[in-house]
Protein backbone atom coordinates (compact mmCIF):
# COMPACT_ATOMS: atom_id res chain seq x y z
CA UNK A 1 0.00 0.00 0.00
CA UNK A 2 1.41 3.38 -0.96
CA UNK A 3 0.33 6.71 0.41
CA UNK A 4 0.48 9.62 -1.99
CA UNK A 5 1.42 12.99 -0.60
CA UNK A 6 -0.10 16.17 -1.86
CA UNK A 7 2.34 18.79 -3.21
CA UNK A 8 -0.03 21.52 -1.97
CA UNK A 9 1.30 23.83 0.74
CA UNK A 10 -1.18 24.94 3.38
CA UNK A 11 -0.55 28.66 3.93
CA UNK A 12 -2.57 28.61 7.16
CA UNK A 13 -0.17 26.05 8.67
CA UNK A 14 2.85 28.14 7.66
CA UNK A 15 1.32 31.28 9.19
CA UNK A 16 0.50 29.39 12.39
CA UNK A 17 4.06 28.03 12.65
CA UNK A 18 5.57 31.48 12.07
CA UNK A 19 3.50 33.02 14.85
CA UNK A 20 4.28 30.26 17.39
CA UNK A 21 6.76 31.31 20.07
CA UNK A 22 8.26 29.17 22.78
CA UNK A 23 8.13 30.67 26.27
CA UNK A 24 11.46 32.24 27.16
CA UNK A 25 12.88 31.65 23.69
CA UNK A 26 13.24 35.30 22.65
CA UNK A 27 16.97 35.96 22.58
CA UNK A 28 17.34 38.45 19.75
CA UNK A 29 18.44 41.17 22.19
CA UNK A 30 21.06 38.96 23.84
CA UNK A 31 24.77 39.34 23.19
CA UNK A 32 26.95 36.27 23.54
CA UNK A 33 30.47 36.52 24.90
CA UNK A 34 32.67 33.55 24.02
CA UNK A 35 36.31 33.19 24.91
CA UNK A 36 38.26 30.94 22.55
CA UNK A 37 41.22 29.20 24.13
CA UNK A 38 44.25 27.81 22.36
CA UNK A 39 44.68 24.05 22.34
CA UNK A 40 45.91 22.86 25.70
CA UNK A 41 48.94 20.61 26.08
CA UNK A 42 46.74 17.67 27.13
CA UNK A 43 44.25 17.98 24.24
CA UNK A 44 44.03 16.93 20.58
CA UNK A 45 41.46 17.27 17.80
CA UNK A 46 40.04 14.02 16.41
CA UNK A 47 40.62 13.64 12.65
CA UNK A 48 37.16 12.11 12.22
CA UNK A 49 34.63 13.93 14.45
CA UNK A 50 36.79 17.08 14.91
CA UNK A 51 35.97 17.25 18.63
CA UNK A 52 38.65 18.40 21.04
CA UNK A 53 39.47 15.45 23.29
CA UNK A 54 41.81 14.67 26.17
CA UNK A 55 45.05 12.95 25.11
CA UNK A 56 44.07 9.85 27.09
CA UNK A 57 41.56 9.14 24.28
CA UNK A 58 44.08 9.08 21.40
CA UNK A 59 44.13 6.20 18.94
CA UNK A 60 46.74 6.72 16.22
CA UNK A 61 46.38 5.10 12.79
CA UNK A 62 49.10 3.96 10.38
CA UNK A 63 49.11 7.33 8.58
CA UNK A 64 49.87 9.26 11.75
CA UNK A 65 46.39 10.77 12.09
CA UNK A 66 44.95 11.09 15.59
CA UNK A 67 41.48 9.68 16.30
CA UNK A 68 39.47 9.43 19.51
CA UNK A 69 38.52 6.07 20.97
CA UNK A 70 34.86 6.68 20.02
CA UNK A 71 35.64 7.04 16.30
CA UNK A 72 38.17 4.21 16.09
CA UNK A 73 36.53 1.94 18.68
């Protein structure tokens, strides 16, 4: 059994979604302050997921790339 979907767009649903606001979600007037730190001596960046990990999670491959235990596990 196949269900065919209509290509019609319901403008009323789009208008309703645009007007919907989550409580406490208005953040347009907020300014974010982020401090970016240099890589620490005990950290590395995984060559697969690009997350910064602690050096205790290093798995090195034959090509010399550094991976975390989650990506190479």
